[in-house]
Amino acid sequence: MSNFSVTVLPSKVQFEVAEGEAVLTAALRQGYILPYGCKNGACGTCKGKLVEGRVDYGVYQKKALPDFEREQGKALFCQAKPLTDLVVEARTVGAAKGIQIKTLPCRIQKMERLADDVIVLHLKLPANERLQFLAGQFIEFLLKDGSRRSFSMGNAPHDSEFLQLHVRHMPGGQFTDHVFGKMKERDILRFEGPLGTFFLREESEKPIVFVASGTGFAPIKAIIEHCLHDGITRPMTLYWGGRRPKDLYLNELPLRWAAEHAGFNYVPVISDALPEDEWRGRTGFVHRAVMEDYPDLSGYQVYACGVPIMVDSARRDFIAECRLPEDEFYADSFTTQADIAGVA
């Protein structure tokens, strides 16, 4: 088997990729962190540009790599397998380098129902184990049938007695049906982590706009709590969207942050309130509320997390209409098993 060389610009990092191996897999194997999320060709986080060389594009969802972007020379590095030596453009992420990815058992210490369809799981690690991670990263449960389920950690590293996961019930979903039906405290699970590159870029001093939908609040909560704990003074505004007010299942927490920290603002946004909700706040799509308040995002960083349609719309519209630099949009798109099954 022959190896291919990959050079990453602008960092000039170089590594070898085995024949038939994806670019991202080879990079991570050798300790080089490129942006990634689902690793299944469904979220688009690992998208970069082919400058020189040819690849087998692999299997992916068209929404993650539309044909026009492929024609522009872009590829999904979680799927792209080199057919020649490559030169690519992609951000390398130094902050995650050196953080060990572990496979660990954990115990369900506490199950806290915060809404009819949201449970927060508190996971206890073995007594001699600690998980080193960056606020915003996720873990993957390793299920008995060999499948995996990804959940972002809702706690910051300084608050690591328990790992905190915000789980929304997806009716018909094998894992969340189990969580809401049969799971009980003291159950044992296994997971791999930490994973992902959704975390604060601390080298920047730009003000931050956070955009969350539903349980996409979890990793953003972790990042904000990390910022407040570490005394990071960059101005921050959180937009949290849901269909109805009950979807903002920890609404009192960001209200408290806003009351206690002068540099933090919170804007809850509801899209489908019913009369009985008596909602008097912002309405509509959460990313549109950002655009109304920030028509010029050229001097900002944006961190967006939640359902793929929100993340994709925010990325497209902020860059096209609000002048957000493409490399200042950081996202964690919550792809479901149905999304991954739709990869074609």
Protein backbone atom coordinates (compact mmCIF):
# COMPACT_ATOMS: atom_id res chain seq x y z
CA MET A 1 0.00 0.00 0.00
CA SER A 2 1.24 3.45 -0.87
CA ASN A 3 1.03 6.52 1.34
CA PHE A 4 0.14 10.01 0.20
CA SER A 5 1.49 13.25 1.62
CA VAL A 6 -0.92 16.01 2.73
CA THR A 7 0.26 19.57 3.28
CA VAL A 8 -2.15 21.85 5.15
CA LEU A 9 -2.12 25.58 4.43
CA PRO A 10 -1.60 28.11 5.89
CA SER A 11 -0.01 26.21 8.81
CA LYS A 12 2.24 24.12 6.50
CA VAL A 13 1.58 21.05 8.65
CA GLN A 14 2.44 17.85 6.76
CA PHE A 15 1.35 14.29 7.42
CA GLU A 16 1.01 10.96 5.64
CA VAL A 17 -2.28 9.32 4.68
CA ALA A 18 -2.51 5.60 3.99
CA GLU A 19 -4.21 4.44 0.81
CA GLY A 20 -7.96 4.30 1.41
CA GLU A 21 -7.73 6.41 4.59
CA ALA A 22 -9.65 9.67 5.03
CA VAL A 23 -7.63 12.88 5.45
CA LEU A 24 -9.22 13.67 8.85
CA THR A 25 -8.65 10.16 10.19
CA ALA A 26 -4.97 10.32 9.28
CA ALA A 27 -4.55 13.80 10.76
CA LEU A 28 -6.12 12.84 14.10
CA ARG A 29 -4.15 9.60 14.22
CA GLN A 30 -0.94 11.61 14.02
CA GLY A 31 -1.94 14.29 16.52
CA TYR A 32 -2.93 17.04 14.08
CA ILE A 33 -6.34 18.51 14.85
CA LEU A 34 -8.42 19.71 11.91
CA PRO A 35 -11.96 21.02 12.49
CA TYR A 36 -14.51 18.20 12.70
CA GLY A 37 -17.86 17.23 14.13
CA CYS A 38 -19.91 14.20 13.09
CA LYS A 39 -17.18 12.39 11.07
CA ASN A 40 -20.00 10.96 8.92
CA GLY A 41 -20.23 13.44 6.04
CA ALA A 42 -23.40 14.99 7.46
CA CYS A 43 -22.47 18.22 9.27
CA GLY A 44 -19.90 20.00 7.08
CA THR A 45 -17.62 21.11 9.93
CA CYS A 46 -14.55 19.46 8.36
CA LYS A 47 -14.98 21.19 4.99
CA GLY A 48 -11.80 22.57 3.43
CA LYS A 49 -10.34 23.41 0.05
CA LEU A 50 -8.29 21.23 -2.30
CA VAL A 51 -5.45 23.37 -3.64
CA GLU A 52 -3.53 20.60 -5.41
CA GLY A 53 -4.25 16.93 -6.01
CA ARG A 54 -7.23 14.61 -6.39
CA VAL A 55 -9.44 12.77 -3.91
CA ASP A 56 -12.16 10.17 -3.74
CA TYR A 57 -14.90 12.35 -2.20
CA GLY A 58 -16.47 9.44 -0.35
CA VAL A 59 -20.06 9.23 0.85
CA TYR A 60 -21.68 12.38 2.19
CA GLN A 61 -24.85 14.45 2.38
CA LYS A 62 -25.35 16.97 -0.41
CA LYS A 63 -26.34 19.67 2.09
CA ALA A 64 -22.93 19.28 3.77
CA LEU A 65 -21.13 19.65 0.43
CA PRO A 66 -23.38 21.08 -2.31
CA ASP A 67 -22.29 20.51 -5.88
CA PHE A 68 -21.32 24.16 -6.37
CA GLU A 69 -18.91 23.97 -3.42
CA ARG A 70 -17.39 20.77 -4.76
CA GLU A 71 -16.89 22.56 -8.08
CA GLN A 72 -15.13 25.35 -6.15
CA GLY A 73 -12.60 22.77 -4.99
CA LYS A 74 -14.01 22.02 -1.54
CA ALA A 75 -14.17 18.60 0.11
CA LEU A 76 -15.21 17.02 3.40
CA PHE A 77 -12.00 15.77 4.97
CA CYS A 78 -13.81 13.22 7.13
CA GLN A 79 -14.72 11.42 3.90
CA ALA A 80 -12.14 12.53 1.30
CA LYS A 81 -9.47 9.91 0.57
CA PRO A 82 -6.37 11.02 -1.36
CA LEU A 83 -5.72 9.64 -4.83
CA THR A 84 -2.52 11.72 -5.11
CA ASP A 85 -0.39 13.86 -2.82
CA LEU A 86 -2.49 16.81 -1.64
CA VAL A 87 -2.17 20.46 -0.72
CA VAL A 88 -5.27 21.62 1.17
CA GLU A 89 -6.51 24.70 2.95
CA ALA A 90 -7.94 24.07 6.41
CA ARG A 91 -7.66 25.53 9.89
CA THR A 92 -5.48 23.56 12.24
CA VAL A 93 -6.59 23.68 15.84
CA GLY A 94 -3.75 23.79 18.33
CA ALA A 95 -5.78 24.02 21.52
CA ALA A 96 -6.90 20.38 21.40
CA LYS A 97 -3.44 18.99 20.72
CA GLY A 98 -2.20 16.85 23.58
CA ILE A 99 -5.64 16.13 25.02
CA GLN A 100 -5.92 12.37 25.26
CA ILE A 101 -9.01 10.69 23.81
CA LYS A 102 -10.02 7.93 26.22
CA THR A 103 -12.53 5.10 26.36
CA LEU A 104 -14.04 5.03 29.84
CA PRO A 105 -16.94 3.55 31.79
CA CYS A 106 -19.30 5.90 33.61
CA ARG A 107 -22.23 5.59 35.99
CA ILE A 108 -25.50 7.48 35.71
CA GLN A 109 -25.27 9.45 38.95
CA LYS A 110 -28.41 11.55 38.47
CA MET A 111 -31.23 11.99 35.95
CA GLU A 112 -32.74 15.46 36.08
CA ARG A 113 -35.84 16.13 33.98
CA LEU A 114 -35.95 19.81 33.04
CA ALA A 115 -38.77 19.62 30.48
CA ASP A 116 -41.18 16.99 29.23
CA ASP A 117 -38.65 16.11 26.51
CA VAL A 118 -35.30 17.10 28.10
CA ILE A 119 -33.33 15.14 30.68
CA VAL A 120 -29.92 16.16 32.00
CA LEU A 121 -27.70 13.17 32.68
CA HIS A 122 -24.98 13.55 35.32
CA LEU A 123 -22.22 10.99 34.70
CA LYS A 124 -19.78 9.82 37.35
CA LEU A 125 -16.36 8.57 36.23
CA PRO A 126 -14.34 5.91 38.06
CA ALA A 127 -12.70 7.25 41.23
CA ASN A 128 -9.19 7.34 39.73
CA GLU A 129 -10.20 8.93 36.41
CA ARG A 130 -10.55 12.51 35.24
CA LEU A 131 -11.42 13.58 31.72
CA GLN A 132 -9.34 16.43 30.37
CA PHE A 133 -11.42 18.37 27.84
CA LEU A 134 -12.17 21.80 26.44
CA ALA A 135 -15.51 23.47 27.11
CA GLY A 136 -17.79 22.70 24.16
CA GLN A 137 -16.44 19.26 23.25
CA PHE A 138 -18.55 16.09 23.11
CA ILE A 139 -18.40 12.40 23.98
CA GLU A 140 -19.72 9.35 22.11
CA PHE A 141 -21.52 6.57 23.93
CA LEU A 142 -20.44 3.13 22.68
CA LEU A 143 -23.59 1.03 22.49
CA LYS A 144 -23.78 -2.75 22.66
CA ASP A 145 -24.76 -3.10 19.00
CA GLY A 146 -21.59 -1.26 17.94
CA SER A 147 -23.32 2.02 17.17
CA ARG A 148 -22.44 5.36 18.73
CA ARG A 149 -24.41 8.35 20.03
CA SER A 150 -22.83 11.78 20.43
CA PHE A 151 -23.69 14.29 23.15
CA SER A 152 -22.00 17.57 24.00
CA MET A 153 -20.87 18.15 27.56
CA GLY A 154 -22.83 20.92 29.26
CA ASN A 155 -20.29 21.52 32.01
CA ALA A 156 -17.02 23.44 31.88
CA PRO A 157 -13.71 21.74 32.77
CA HIS A 158 -13.46 23.51 36.15
CA ASP A 159 -16.80 21.92 37.13
CA SER A 160 -15.89 18.32 36.35
CA GLU A 161 -17.11 16.25 39.31
CA PHE A 162 -19.81 14.98 36.95
CA LEU A 163 -20.09 15.16 33.18
CA GLN A 164 -23.38 16.80 32.26
CA LEU A 165 -25.29 15.88 29.09
CA HIS A 166 -28.53 17.50 27.91
CA VAL A 167 -30.62 14.83 26.15
CA ARG A 168 -33.72 15.69 24.13
CA HIS A 169 -36.19 12.86 23.47
CA MET A 170 -36.39 11.99 19.78
CA PRO A 171 -39.42 9.65 19.62
CA GLY A 172 -38.44 6.50 17.77
CA GLY A 173 -34.76 7.12 18.46
CA GLN A 174 -33.24 3.95 19.88
CA PHE A 175 -31.02 5.65 22.44
CA THR A 176 -33.26 8.51 23.59
CA ASP A 177 -36.24 6.15 23.85
CA HIS A 178 -34.06 4.12 26.23
CA VAL A 179 -33.04 7.22 28.21
CA PHE A 180 -36.64 8.34 28.66
CA GLY A 181 -38.09 4.86 29.11
CA LYS A 182 -35.77 2.34 30.76
CA MET A 183 -32.58 4.11 31.88
CA LYS A 184 -32.18 4.46 35.63
CA GLU A 185 -29.67 5.93 38.02
CA ARG A 186 -26.58 3.77 38.64
CA ASP A 187 -26.70 2.25 35.13
CA ILE A 188 -23.24 1.82 33.59
CA LEU A 189 -22.33 3.08 30.11
CA ARG A 190 -19.10 3.33 28.10
CA PHE A 191 -18.00 6.32 26.09
CA GLU A 192 -15.12 7.72 24.05
CA GLY A 193 -13.99 11.32 24.38
CA PRO A 194 -13.40 14.15 24.40
CA LEU A 195 -14.11 14.76 20.72
CA GLY A 196 -14.76 17.69 18.39
CA THR A 197 -13.38 21.15 17.76
CA PHE A 198 -16.26 23.30 18.98
CA PHE A 199 -14.58 25.35 21.69
CA LEU A 200 -13.54 28.94 22.34
CA ARG A 201 -10.67 30.36 20.29
CA GLU A 202 -8.99 32.13 23.18
CA GLU A 203 -6.33 33.82 21.07
CA SER A 204 -8.98 36.22 19.72
CA GLU A 205 -10.20 39.36 21.45
CA LYS A 206 -13.26 39.81 19.22
CA PRO A 207 -16.72 40.07 20.80
CA ILE A 208 -18.75 36.86 20.60
CA VAL A 209 -22.26 36.05 19.43
CA PHE A 210 -23.53 32.65 20.59
CA VAL A 211 -26.50 31.11 18.76
CA ALA A 212 -28.22 28.04 20.21
CA SER A 213 -31.35 26.09 19.32
CA GLY A 214 -32.83 23.59 21.77
CA THR A 215 -30.24 21.43 23.51
CA GLY A 216 -27.56 23.14 21.42
CA PHE A 217 -27.46 25.27 24.55
CA ALA A 218 -25.39 22.56 26.31
CA PRO A 219 -21.91 23.17 24.83
CA ILE A 220 -22.52 26.92 24.65
CA LYS A 221 -23.40 26.86 28.36
CA ALA A 222 -20.06 25.13 28.98
CA ILE A 223 -18.13 27.73 26.97
CA ILE A 224 -19.86 30.67 28.67
CA GLU A 225 -19.29 29.22 32.14
CA HIS A 226 -15.63 28.68 31.21
CA CYS A 227 -15.37 32.34 30.13
CA LEU A 228 -17.01 33.65 33.29
CA HIS A 229 -14.88 31.41 35.52
CA ASP A 230 -11.63 32.41 33.82
CA GLY A 231 -12.42 36.12 33.80
CA ILE A 232 -12.53 36.41 30.00
CA THR A 233 -13.91 39.90 29.41
CA ARG A 234 -14.81 39.77 25.71
CA PRO A 235 -18.38 41.07 25.19
CA MET A 236 -20.77 38.13 24.75
CA THR A 237 -24.37 37.89 23.57
CA LEU A 238 -26.35 34.64 23.66
CA TYR A 239 -29.36 34.05 21.41
CA TRP A 240 -31.23 30.90 22.45
CA GLY A 241 -34.11 29.77 20.27
CA GLY A 242 -36.94 27.32 20.76
CA ARG A 243 -40.36 26.64 19.32
CA ARG A 244 -42.11 27.36 22.62
CA PRO A 245 -40.89 28.89 25.90
CA LYS A 246 -40.67 25.46 27.57
CA ASP A 247 -37.90 24.58 25.09
CA LEU A 248 -35.65 27.08 26.89
CA TYR A 249 -35.35 24.57 29.71
CA LEU A 250 -32.72 26.50 31.71
CA ASN A 251 -33.91 30.01 30.92
CA GLU A 252 -33.22 31.32 34.43
CA LEU A 253 -29.50 30.55 34.10
CA PRO A 254 -28.62 32.94 31.23
CA LEU A 255 -30.95 35.53 32.78
CA ARG A 256 -28.79 35.28 35.90
CA TRP A 257 -25.56 35.56 33.90
CA ALA A 258 -26.89 38.73 32.27
CA ALA A 259 -27.85 40.20 35.65
CA GLU A 260 -24.47 39.42 37.22
CA HIS A 261 -22.05 40.20 34.35
CA ALA A 262 -22.04 43.58 32.62
CA GLY A 263 -20.45 42.23 29.42
CA PHE A 264 -23.02 39.47 28.90
CA ASN A 265 -26.39 39.85 27.15
CA TYR A 266 -29.14 37.28 26.63
CA VAL A 267 -31.86 37.25 23.98
CA PRO A 268 -34.37 34.35 24.09
CA VAL A 269 -36.25 33.84 20.81
CA ILE A 270 -39.44 31.78 20.30
CA SER A 271 -40.72 30.73 16.88
CA ASP A 272 -44.11 29.06 17.53
CA ALA A 273 -45.54 30.38 20.80
CA LEU A 274 -49.16 29.49 21.59
CA PRO A 275 -51.59 32.00 23.12
CA GLU A 276 -51.42 30.21 26.47
CA ASP A 277 -47.64 30.73 26.55
CA GLU A 278 -48.21 34.50 26.93
CA TRP A 279 -44.83 35.06 25.28
CA ARG A 280 -43.87 38.74 25.04
CA GLY A 281 -40.26 38.38 23.94
CA ARG A 282 -38.59 38.08 20.54
CA THR A 283 -40.23 35.85 17.96
CA GLY A 284 -39.19 34.17 14.71
CA PHE A 285 -36.06 32.27 13.71
CA VAL A 286 -33.20 32.66 16.16
CA HIS A 287 -30.52 33.41 13.54
CA ARG A 288 -32.77 36.10 12.02
CA ALA A 289 -32.94 37.82 15.41
CA VAL A 290 -29.13 37.98 15.35
CA MET A 291 -29.21 39.53 11.88
CA GLU A 292 -31.71 42.19 13.01
CA ASP A 293 -29.44 43.20 15.90
CA TYR A 294 -26.07 42.70 14.16
CA PRO A 295 -26.38 43.64 10.47
CA ASP A 296 -22.56 43.93 10.41
CA LEU A 297 -20.75 40.95 11.96
CA SER A 298 -17.41 41.70 10.32
CA GLY A 299 -15.72 42.29 13.68
CA TYR A 300 -17.23 39.32 15.56
CA GLN A 301 -16.82 35.63 16.20
CA VAL A 302 -19.95 33.46 16.06
CA TYR A 303 -20.41 30.12 17.83
CA ALA A 304 -23.57 28.29 16.71
CA CYS A 305 -24.94 24.98 17.95
CA GLY A 306 -28.16 23.10 17.41
CA VAL A 307 -30.23 21.55 14.65
CA PRO A 308 -28.56 21.42 11.21
CA ILE A 309 -31.08 23.72 9.52
CA MET A 310 -30.34 26.52 12.02
CA VAL A 311 -26.59 26.08 11.83
CA ASP A 312 -26.60 25.90 8.03
CA SER A 313 -28.86 28.96 7.71
CA ALA A 314 -26.79 30.97 10.17
CA ARG A 315 -23.54 30.12 8.39
CA ARG A 316 -24.93 31.03 4.97
CA ASP A 317 -26.75 34.22 5.95
CA PHE A 318 -24.20 35.65 8.39
CA ILE A 319 -21.43 35.31 5.80
CA ALA A 320 -23.47 36.45 2.79
CA GLU A 321 -25.54 39.23 4.37
CA CYS A 322 -23.77 40.31 7.58
CA ARG A 323 -20.13 40.25 6.38
CA LEU A 324 -19.04 37.66 8.96
CA PRO A 325 -15.60 36.33 7.95
CA GLU A 326 -16.04 32.68 6.98
CA ASP A 327 -13.24 31.58 9.31
CA GLU A 328 -14.90 33.26 12.31
CA PHE A 329 -17.97 30.99 12.23
CA TYR A 330 -17.61 27.98 14.56
CA ALA A 331 -20.38 25.41 14.72
CA ASP A 332 -21.54 22.13 16.19
CA SER A 333 -24.41 20.77 14.11
CA PHE A 334 -26.50 18.23 16.02
CA THR A 335 -26.85 15.59 13.33
CA THR A 336 -29.14 12.72 14.33
CA GLN A 337 -28.98 9.07 13.32
CA ALA A 338 -31.65 9.91 10.73
CA ASP A 339 -29.37 12.61 9.29
CA ILE A 340 -26.47 10.17 9.10
CA ALA A 341 -28.70 7.48 7.58
CA GLY A 342 -29.55 10.01 4.88
CA VAL A 343 -25.92 10.29 3.78
CA ALA A 344 -25.77 9.41 0.10
